[in-house]
């Protein structure tokens, strides 16, 4: 029997992706470690490597196919001694399930394949462990949770006994798998809750008609753009935002920055690096702002991991400065430059942009004076930073001129109250206006 090459899970939350490009073709010989395809996730296009050697017998999913489920069969590999006759008797195994029908690739899906990065092996999954933990793909877990199935009662047919989508579907069809208690079943909770109004959706023809059928150029949605639209819509619908704005005087910080950058050749600390450092130290002082809401409890994060919004072609990504409170300005500056450059090239690994407990979005370099950012769930806060500009300022009853910067904190009111948000901003302002305190 030919070996199945499966759609890999390239991140813990990935349930499907776009097969952007095949690097190999049918009949090609491959070895373990060879790049065979490029998979487009919601954040980047990632190279997929083979884990076995042999000959590509048949490509099941064509280039540009969207919505390819994790663990579905994307190609068949003929090992040594097997010939094309083995393909005639092939039927999809339970591990892979039925492969989705090939789709025509929109031009943008193929163009997106130009961004590349290293990725886990082609049909490899995380190494399984023992000790009571249930191993299942994210999609299998989600379906089981929605349908009220007990995963511990299911037998996995995936690699090393992992439970995959096909196993859950087989259990549903057979009526097996003990249902969770009604009080603990998310599906039951959902049914008991009031129905949530569906978001209004409009076809391109409806939108064109509403705009008077003006001429337009059609730009196909990328996986990233779809994910941004979905997550931000959910954030504004589900998270009770409120906003706090504070003005910070920058003149001392700018003078300190100029002095520091003149101390060492090649050192170029930005205002944004100071902002990251001040944010991290303020979170250290006000840890209750470094938290996320869940229906079970508030999760107050022990590490100060700061996500920083970076604009990339086609969307936005938030690479993370981890343990930012434990890093000096030079280290933060070097890390941020590296993360931003690799983000724009599509070369970040998932662990470098997934996670973080607090976000910063700085549009000051684009001339934006002040704005309110949308919270990046499941985080509890995001700090929107405007440009530094000279403004009139009253000090001790006298009018003077100072370089001022407006910062707006968007807050999830379920987890952070107004007083906590104000306390965080007060600590942040203190550090920005006394930058030498950041060097201690």
Protein backbone atom coordinates (compact mmCIF):
# COMPACT_ATOMS: atom_id res chain seq x y z
CA UNK A 1 0.00 0.00 0.00
CA UNK A 2 1.30 3.49 -0.77
CA UNK A 3 2.21 5.77 2.14
CA UNK A 4 -0.18 8.66 2.76
CA UNK A 5 1.25 12.17 2.99
CA UNK A 6 -1.12 14.14 5.22
CA UNK A 7 -1.90 17.83 5.56
CA UNK A 8 0.25 18.83 8.55
CA UNK A 9 -0.80 20.91 11.55
CA UNK A 10 1.68 23.79 11.40
CA UNK A 11 0.42 25.44 14.59
CA UNK A 12 -1.58 24.35 17.65
CA UNK A 13 -4.73 26.16 16.42
CA UNK A 14 -4.57 25.22 12.72
CA UNK A 15 -7.54 23.17 11.46
CA UNK A 16 -7.17 23.81 7.74
CA UNK A 17 -4.90 25.58 5.27
CA UNK A 18 -4.26 26.33 1.61
CA UNK A 19 -1.95 24.09 -0.40
CA UNK A 20 -0.25 27.00 -2.11
CA UNK A 21 2.33 25.18 -4.20
CA UNK A 22 3.77 21.73 -4.95
CA UNK A 23 7.56 21.80 -5.18
CA UNK A 24 7.58 18.21 -6.51
CA UNK A 25 5.56 16.46 -9.20
CA UNK A 26 4.34 12.92 -9.72
CA UNK A 27 7.23 10.57 -10.46
CA UNK A 28 9.82 12.60 -8.54
CA UNK A 29 12.08 10.75 -6.11
CA UNK A 30 12.33 12.34 -2.67
CA UNK A 31 14.35 11.82 0.51
CA UNK A 32 13.58 12.70 4.12
CA UNK A 33 14.10 16.44 4.61
CA UNK A 34 13.32 17.43 1.01
CA UNK A 35 10.87 20.33 0.64
CA UNK A 36 7.80 18.97 -1.14
CA UNK A 37 5.15 21.68 -0.78
CA UNK A 38 4.25 25.13 0.53
CA UNK A 39 1.25 25.46 2.85
CA UNK A 40 -0.42 28.84 3.43
CA UNK A 41 -1.73 29.33 6.97
CA UNK A 42 -3.48 32.41 8.31
CA UNK A 43 -0.12 34.07 9.06
CA UNK A 44 2.52 32.83 6.61
CA UNK A 45 3.39 30.44 3.82
CA UNK A 46 5.47 27.60 5.24
CA UNK A 47 7.65 24.98 3.57
CA UNK A 48 6.78 21.35 4.29
CA UNK A 49 9.47 18.66 4.34
CA UNK A 50 9.18 14.94 3.63
CA UNK A 51 9.77 12.44 6.44
CA UNK A 52 10.11 9.34 4.24
CA UNK A 53 11.94 8.55 1.06
CA UNK A 54 10.34 7.18 -2.10
CA UNK A 55 8.60 8.33 -5.25
CA UNK A 56 5.65 10.70 -5.45
CA UNK A 57 3.00 8.32 -6.84
CA UNK A 58 -0.03 10.57 -6.94
CA UNK A 59 -0.87 14.14 -5.95
CA UNK A 60 -4.36 14.12 -4.43
CA UNK A 61 -4.82 17.84 -3.66
CA UNK A 62 -3.89 20.27 -6.40
CA UNK A 63 -2.05 23.57 -6.06
CA UNK A 64 -4.17 26.43 -4.78
CA UNK A 65 -6.73 24.23 -3.02
CA UNK A 66 -8.20 26.11 -0.05
CA UNK A 67 -9.73 24.79 3.15
CA UNK A 68 -7.69 21.58 3.15
CA UNK A 69 -8.34 19.93 6.53
CA UNK A 70 -5.47 18.96 8.81
CA UNK A 71 -4.71 15.20 8.52
CA UNK A 72 -6.46 14.83 5.16
CA UNK A 73 -4.49 12.99 2.44
CA UNK A 74 -2.72 15.37 0.06
CA UNK A 75 -0.46 12.90 -1.82
CA UNK A 76 0.63 9.25 -2.00
CA UNK A 77 4.22 8.07 -1.71
CA UNK A 78 5.50 4.86 -3.30
CA UNK A 79 8.27 3.28 -1.28
CA UNK A 80 11.08 1.08 -2.60
CA UNK A 81 9.67 -1.98 -4.36
CA UNK A 82 6.24 -0.46 -4.98
CA UNK A 83 5.09 0.53 -8.45
CA UNK A 84 2.14 2.41 -9.86
CA UNK A 85 -0.02 -0.71 -9.64
CA UNK A 86 -0.24 -0.13 -5.87
CA UNK A 87 -2.13 3.08 -6.54
CA UNK A 88 -4.97 1.25 -8.32
CA UNK A 89 -5.91 -0.64 -5.14
CA UNK A 90 -5.59 2.36 -2.84
CA UNK A 91 -8.53 3.45 -0.68
CA UNK A 92 -8.30 6.31 1.81
CA UNK A 93 -7.50 5.06 5.31
CA UNK A 94 -9.28 6.21 8.44
CA UNK A 95 -6.19 8.17 9.42
CA UNK A 96 -6.35 10.42 6.43
CA UNK A 97 -10.03 10.46 5.61
CA UNK A 98 -11.31 11.60 2.28
CA UNK A 99 -9.30 14.29 0.61
CA UNK A 100 -11.12 17.45 -0.43
CA UNK A 101 -11.90 17.92 -4.07
CA UNK A 102 -9.24 19.93 -5.91
CA UNK A 103 -10.15 23.56 -6.52
CA UNK A 104 -8.98 26.04 -9.07
CA UNK A 105 -6.35 28.32 -7.55
CA UNK A 106 -7.16 32.02 -7.49
CA UNK A 107 -4.21 34.08 -8.74
CA UNK A 108 -3.60 35.50 -5.28
CA UNK A 109 -3.30 32.02 -3.73
CA UNK A 110 -0.43 31.15 -6.03
CA UNK A 111 1.18 34.57 -5.56
CA UNK A 112 1.07 34.12 -1.80
CA UNK A 113 3.40 31.15 -2.15
CA UNK A 114 6.28 33.57 -2.68
CA UNK A 115 6.64 33.95 1.09
CA UNK A 116 8.55 31.01 2.61
CA UNK A 117 9.68 29.72 5.97
CA UNK A 118 10.84 26.52 7.61
CA UNK A 119 8.11 24.18 8.92
CA UNK A 120 7.57 20.78 10.59
CA UNK A 121 7.88 17.66 8.43
CA UNK A 122 5.18 16.86 5.86
CA UNK A 123 3.10 14.21 7.55
CA UNK A 124 4.68 14.46 10.97
CA UNK A 125 2.69 15.24 14.11
CA UNK A 126 3.96 16.11 17.57
CA UNK A 127 5.61 13.14 19.30
CA UNK A 128 3.00 11.32 21.36
CA UNK A 129 3.48 10.75 25.09
CA UNK A 130 1.85 8.54 27.68
CA UNK A 131 0.64 9.22 31.19
CA UNK A 132 -3.11 9.82 30.89
CA UNK A 133 -3.06 12.57 28.29
CA UNK A 134 -5.43 12.15 25.34
CA UNK A 135 -3.78 12.83 21.99
CA UNK A 136 -6.06 14.25 19.32
CA UNK A 137 -5.86 16.75 16.50
CA UNK A 138 -7.30 20.23 17.19
CA UNK A 139 -10.10 19.59 14.67
CA UNK A 140 -11.00 16.24 16.27
CA UNK A 141 -11.11 17.87 19.71
CA UNK A 142 -13.35 20.66 18.48
CA UNK A 143 -15.85 18.31 16.80
CA UNK A 144 -15.92 15.98 19.81
CA UNK A 145 -16.52 18.92 22.14
CA UNK A 146 -19.34 20.26 19.97
CA UNK A 147 -20.99 16.83 19.68
CA UNK A 148 -20.52 15.87 23.34
CA UNK A 149 -18.22 12.88 22.75
CA UNK A 150 -15.74 11.57 25.34
CA UNK A 151 -12.36 11.40 23.58
CA UNK A 152 -10.96 8.92 26.11
CA UNK A 153 -13.43 6.31 24.81
CA UNK A 154 -12.37 6.65 21.19
CA UNK A 155 -9.60 4.70 19.49
CA UNK A 156 -7.21 6.79 17.43
CA UNK A 157 -6.19 5.70 13.95
CA UNK A 158 -3.72 8.52 13.35
CA UNK A 159 0.05 8.34 13.77
CA UNK A 160 0.95 6.66 17.07
CA UNK A 161 -2.72 6.31 18.02
CA UNK A 162 -3.63 9.97 17.69
CA UNK A 163 -7.39 10.65 17.41
CA UNK A 164 -8.19 12.41 14.14
CA UNK A 165 -11.32 13.82 12.52
CA UNK A 166 -12.21 10.50 10.85
CA UNK A 167 -12.26 8.71 14.23
CA UNK A 168 -14.70 11.23 15.68
CA UNK A 169 -16.93 11.05 12.60
CA UNK A 170 -16.90 7.24 12.74
CA UNK A 171 -17.95 7.33 16.41
CA UNK A 172 -20.79 9.72 15.60
CA UNK A 173 -21.98 7.49 12.76
CA UNK A 174 -21.85 4.37 14.96
CA UNK A 175 -23.43 6.11 17.95
CA UNK A 176 -20.48 5.27 20.18
CA UNK A 177 -18.51 7.46 22.55
CA UNK A 178 -20.07 8.33 25.88
CA UNK A 179 -21.60 11.80 25.89
CA UNK A 180 -20.34 14.33 28.39
CA UNK A 181 -22.75 15.34 31.20
CA UNK A 182 -25.26 17.88 30.01
CA UNK A 183 -24.03 20.48 32.52
CA UNK A 184 -20.46 20.21 31.21
CA UNK A 185 -21.21 19.97 27.50
CA UNK A 186 -20.31 23.10 25.57
CA UNK A 187 -22.91 22.16 22.94
CA UNK A 188 -25.60 22.02 25.63
CA UNK A 189 -24.46 25.31 27.12
CA UNK A 190 -24.58 26.84 23.68
CA UNK A 191 -28.12 25.55 23.11
CA UNK A 192 -29.25 26.95 26.47
CA UNK A 193 -27.82 30.38 25.76
CA UNK A 194 -29.80 32.94 23.79
CA UNK A 195 -29.18 32.70 20.07
CA UNK A 196 -26.52 35.13 18.93
CA UNK A 197 -27.41 37.30 16.00
CA UNK A 198 -25.49 36.33 12.91
CA UNK A 199 -23.23 38.94 11.38
CA UNK A 200 -24.57 40.53 8.23
CA UNK A 201 -22.80 39.19 5.16
CA UNK A 202 -22.87 40.73 1.73
CA UNK A 203 -21.91 39.21 -1.60
CA UNK A 204 -19.67 41.14 -3.96
CA UNK A 205 -22.67 41.77 -6.23
CA UNK A 206 -24.65 43.26 -3.33
CA UNK A 207 -21.74 45.49 -2.31
CA UNK A 208 -21.21 46.60 -5.92
CA UNK A 209 -24.92 47.43 -6.27
CA UNK A 210 -24.90 49.42 -3.02
CA UNK A 211 -21.95 51.43 -4.39
CA UNK A 212 -23.84 52.20 -7.60
CA UNK A 213 -22.06 49.49 -9.63
CA UNK A 214 -18.92 51.59 -9.91
CA UNK A 215 -15.91 49.96 -11.60
CA UNK A 216 -13.75 47.88 -9.25
CA UNK A 217 -10.80 45.51 -9.16
CA UNK A 218 -11.44 42.19 -7.42
CA UNK A 219 -8.75 41.12 -4.91
CA UNK A 220 -9.21 37.57 -3.61
CA UNK A 221 -9.21 37.09 0.18
CA UNK A 222 -6.06 35.49 1.56
CA UNK A 223 -6.20 33.16 4.56
CA UNK A 224 -4.61 35.95 6.63
CA UNK A 225 -7.21 38.54 5.60
CA UNK A 226 -10.07 36.11 6.36
CA UNK A 227 -8.64 35.38 9.79
CA UNK A 228 -8.13 39.09 10.58
CA UNK A 229 -11.74 39.80 9.57
CA UNK A 230 -13.10 36.92 11.67
CA UNK A 231 -11.07 37.58 14.81
CA UNK A 232 -11.58 41.35 14.88
CA UNK A 233 -15.31 41.00 14.24
CA UNK A 234 -15.52 38.56 17.15
CA UNK A 235 -13.41 40.89 19.31
CA UNK A 236 -15.69 43.89 18.78
CA UNK A 237 -18.86 41.80 19.19
CA UNK A 238 -17.81 39.75 22.22
CA UNK A 239 -15.36 41.92 24.19
CA UNK A 240 -16.70 44.94 26.13
CA UNK A 241 -14.08 47.51 25.12
CA UNK A 242 -13.45 50.76 26.93
CA UNK A 243 -10.67 53.28 26.30
CA UNK A 244 -8.28 55.37 28.39
CA UNK A 245 -6.03 58.05 26.86
CA UNK A 246 -2.97 59.70 28.40
CA UNK A 247 -0.43 62.25 27.09
CA UNK A 248 3.27 61.66 27.70
CA UNK A 249 6.06 64.23 27.41
CA UNK A 250 8.88 62.90 25.21
CA UNK A 251 11.66 65.47 25.38
CA UNK A 252 13.77 63.69 28.03
CA UNK A 253 13.29 60.35 26.25
CA UNK A 254 14.41 61.81 22.92
CA UNK A 255 17.51 63.31 24.53
CA UNK A 256 18.35 60.02 26.28
CA UNK A 257 17.83 58.10 23.04
CA UNK A 258 20.18 60.43 21.17
CA UNK A 259 22.83 60.05 23.85
CA UNK A 260 22.58 56.27 23.98
CA UNK A 261 22.74 55.90 20.20
CA UNK A 262 25.93 57.95 20.20
CA UNK A 263 27.60 55.68 22.74
CA UNK A 264 28.11 52.62 20.54
CA UNK A 265 28.66 52.22 16.82
CA UNK A 266 25.74 50.49 15.10
CA UNK A 267 23.37 50.97 18.07
CA UNK A 268 20.07 52.50 16.97
CA UNK A 269 17.43 52.35 19.66
CA UNK A 270 14.03 53.56 18.49
CA UNK A 271 11.27 55.34 20.40
CA UNK A 272 9.27 52.13 19.95
CA UNK A 273 11.95 50.19 21.85
CA UNK A 274 11.52 52.58 24.80
CA UNK A 275 7.74 52.07 24.57
CA UNK A 276 8.11 48.28 24.71
CA UNK A 277 10.47 48.53 27.67
CA UNK A 278 8.18 50.98 29.51
CA UNK A 279 5.15 48.76 28.82
CA UNK A 280 6.93 45.69 30.19
CA UNK A 281 8.08 47.46 33.37
CA UNK A 282 4.63 48.98 33.90
CA UNK A 283 3.08 45.49 33.61
CA UNK A 284 5.61 44.30 36.17
CA UNK A 285 4.35 47.05 38.52
CA UNK A 286 0.66 46.44 37.67
CA UNK A 287 0.42 42.67 36.99
CA UNK A 288 -3.39 42.73 37.07
CA UNK A 289 -3.27 44.40 33.63
CA UNK A 290 -1.30 41.43 32.28
CA UNK A 291 -4.31 39.10 32.21
CA UNK A 292 -6.92 37.40 30.04
CA UNK A 293 -10.56 36.48 30.54
CA UNK A 294 -11.91 32.94 30.36
CA UNK A 295 -15.38 31.68 31.34
CA UNK A 296 -13.75 29.65 34.13
CA UNK A 297 -11.39 32.22 35.64
CA UNK A 298 -9.11 35.19 34.99
CA UNK A 299 -5.67 34.07 33.83
CA UNK A 300 -3.01 36.43 35.17
CA UNK A 301 0.17 35.81 33.20
CA UNK A 302 3.40 35.26 35.12
CA UNK A 303 5.62 36.16 32.16
CA UNK A 304 5.60 39.62 30.59
CA UNK A 305 5.35 38.72 26.90
CA UNK A 306 4.61 41.78 24.77
CA UNK A 307 3.15 41.42 21.27
CA UNK A 308 4.00 44.23 18.83
CA UNK A 309 1.85 44.82 15.74
CA UNK A 310 3.83 44.79 12.48
CA UNK A 311 2.28 45.60 9.08
CA UNK A 312 3.16 43.04 6.42
CA UNK A 313 1.99 42.61 2.80
CA UNK A 314 -1.69 41.67 2.91
CA UNK A 315 -2.26 42.09 6.62
CA UNK A 316 -0.91 42.33 10.13
CA UNK A 317 1.11 40.10 12.45
CA UNK A 318 2.11 40.46 16.12
CA UNK A 319 5.58 39.05 16.86
CA UNK A 320 6.34 38.69 20.57
CA UNK A 321 9.14 40.07 22.72
CA UNK A 322 9.16 37.37 25.39
CA UNK A 323 10.06 38.21 28.99
CA UNK A 324 10.39 41.83 27.90
CA UNK A 325 10.66 43.05 31.49
CA UNK A 326 13.94 41.13 31.84
CA UNK A 327 15.58 42.64 28.73
CA UNK A 328 17.42 45.91 28.26
CA UNK A 329 16.83 48.43 25.49
CA UNK A 330 19.66 47.13 23.27
CA UNK A 331 18.34 43.55 23.45
CA UNK A 332 14.76 44.63 22.80
CA UNK A 333 15.93 46.74 19.85
CA UNK A 334 17.88 43.86 18.26
CA UNK A 335 15.06 41.36 18.79
CA UNK A 336 12.40 43.69 17.43
CA UNK A 337 14.39 44.47 14.28
CA UNK A 338 14.97 40.74 13.66
CA UNK A 339 11.31 39.81 14.28
CA UNK A 340 9.97 42.64 12.11
CA UNK A 341 12.29 41.82 9.20
CA UNK A 342 11.45 38.12 9.30
CA UNK A 343 7.73 38.90 9.69
CA UNK A 344 7.78 40.93 6.47
CA UNK A 345 9.56 38.04 4.71
CA UNK A 346 7.03 35.51 6.07
CA UNK A 347 9.73 33.66 7.99
CA UNK A 348 8.43 33.70 11.56
CA UNK A 349 7.77 30.43 13.32
CA UNK A 350 4.31 30.07 14.94
CA UNK A 351 5.70 30.29 18.47
CA UNK A 352 7.16 33.71 17.60
CA UNK A 353 3.77 35.32 16.89
CA UNK A 354 1.21 33.14 18.70
CA UNK A 355 0.64 34.04 22.33
CA UNK A 356 1.65 37.13 24.28
CA UNK A 357 -0.27 38.68 27.15
CA UNK A 358 -0.43 42.35 26.03
CA UNK A 359 -0.17 44.14 22.67
CA UNK A 360 1.26 47.41 21.38
CA UNK A 361 0.18 49.04 18.12
CA UNK A 362 2.26 52.07 17.12
CA UNK A 363 1.07 54.17 14.19
CA UNK A 364 3.07 57.23 15.19
CA UNK A 365 5.55 56.70 12.37
CA UNK A 366 2.65 57.10 9.92
CA UNK A 367 1.73 60.51 11.33
CA UNK A 368 -1.29 59.30 13.32
CA UNK A 369 -1.87 61.55 16.33
CA UNK A 370 -4.25 59.32 18.29
CA UNK A 371 -6.34 56.17 17.70
CA UNK A 372 -8.10 53.31 19.50
CA UNK A 373 -6.96 49.77 18.67
CA UNK A 374 -9.10 46.62 18.70
CA UNK A 375 -8.15 44.13 21.43
CA UNK A 376 -6.27 41.05 20.22
CA UNK A 377 -8.10 38.14 21.93
CA UNK A 378 -7.54 36.47 24.30
CA UNK A 379 -5.42 39.36 25.60
CA UNK A 380 -7.03 41.86 27.97
CA UNK A 381 -5.39 45.09 26.73
CA UNK A 382 -3.78 46.74 23.73
CA UNK A 383 -1.88 50.06 23.80
CA UNK A 384 -2.33 52.33 20.77
CA UNK A 385 0.57 54.79 20.36
CA UNK A 386 0.39 58.00 18.35
CA UNK A 387 3.13 60.27 16.99
CA UNK A 388 5.33 62.57 19.04
CA UNK A 389 4.64 66.20 18.14
CA UNK A 390 5.28 69.63 19.60
CA UNK A 391 2.26 71.01 21.43
CA UNK A 392 1.60 73.96 23.75
CA UNK A 393 1.82 72.89 27.39
CA UNK A 394 0.97 74.74 30.60
CA UNK A 395 3.57 74.19 33.36
CA UNK A 396 3.35 75.96 36.70
CA UNK A 397 0.97 78.52 35.22
CA UNK A 398 3.26 79.30 32.27
CA UNK A 399 2.82 78.35 28.63
CA UNK A 400 5.63 76.33 27.07
CA UNK A 401 6.23 74.00 24.14
CA UNK A 402 6.87 70.26 24.65
CA UNK A 403 7.02 67.14 22.50
CA UNK A 404 3.93 65.14 23.44
CA UNK A 405 2.71 61.65 22.57
CA UNK A 406 -0.89 60.45 23.04
CA UNK A 407 -1.40 56.79 24.02
CA UNK A 408 -4.79 55.06 24.25
CA UNK A 409 -5.30 51.82 26.18
CA UNK A 410 -8.12 49.59 24.89
CA UNK A 411 -9.32 47.41 27.77
CA UNK A 412 -11.44 44.28 28.13
CA UNK A 413 -13.72 45.41 30.97
CA UNK A 414 -14.42 41.81 32.00
CA UNK A 415 -10.84 41.37 33.22
CA UNK A 416 -9.40 44.87 33.74
CA UNK A 417 -11.32 47.65 35.49
CA UNK A 418 -10.90 51.36 34.87
CA UNK A 419 -8.81 51.92 38.00
CA UNK A 420 -6.37 49.16 36.98
CA UNK A 421 -6.08 50.57 33.47
CA UNK A 422 -5.45 54.05 34.88
CA UNK A 423 -2.82 52.69 37.26
CA UNK A 424 -1.01 50.96 34.38
CA UNK A 425 -1.02 54.16 32.28
CA UNK A 426 0.28 56.20 35.23
CA UNK A 427 3.26 53.82 35.61
CA UNK A 428 3.82 53.85 31.83
CA UNK A 429 3.78 57.67 31.71
CA UNK A 430 6.19 57.89 34.65
CA UNK A 431 8.72 55.67 32.84
CA UNK A 432 8.34 57.45 29.47
CA UNK A 433 8.90 60.84 31.11
CA UNK A 434 11.81 59.61 33.25
CA UNK A 435 13.63 57.29 30.79
CA UNK A 436 16.69 56.89 33.03
CA UNK A 437 14.45 54.82 35.35
CA UNK A 438 14.24 52.23 32.53
CA UNK A 439 18.01 51.79 32.63
CA UNK A 440 18.15 50.79 36.28
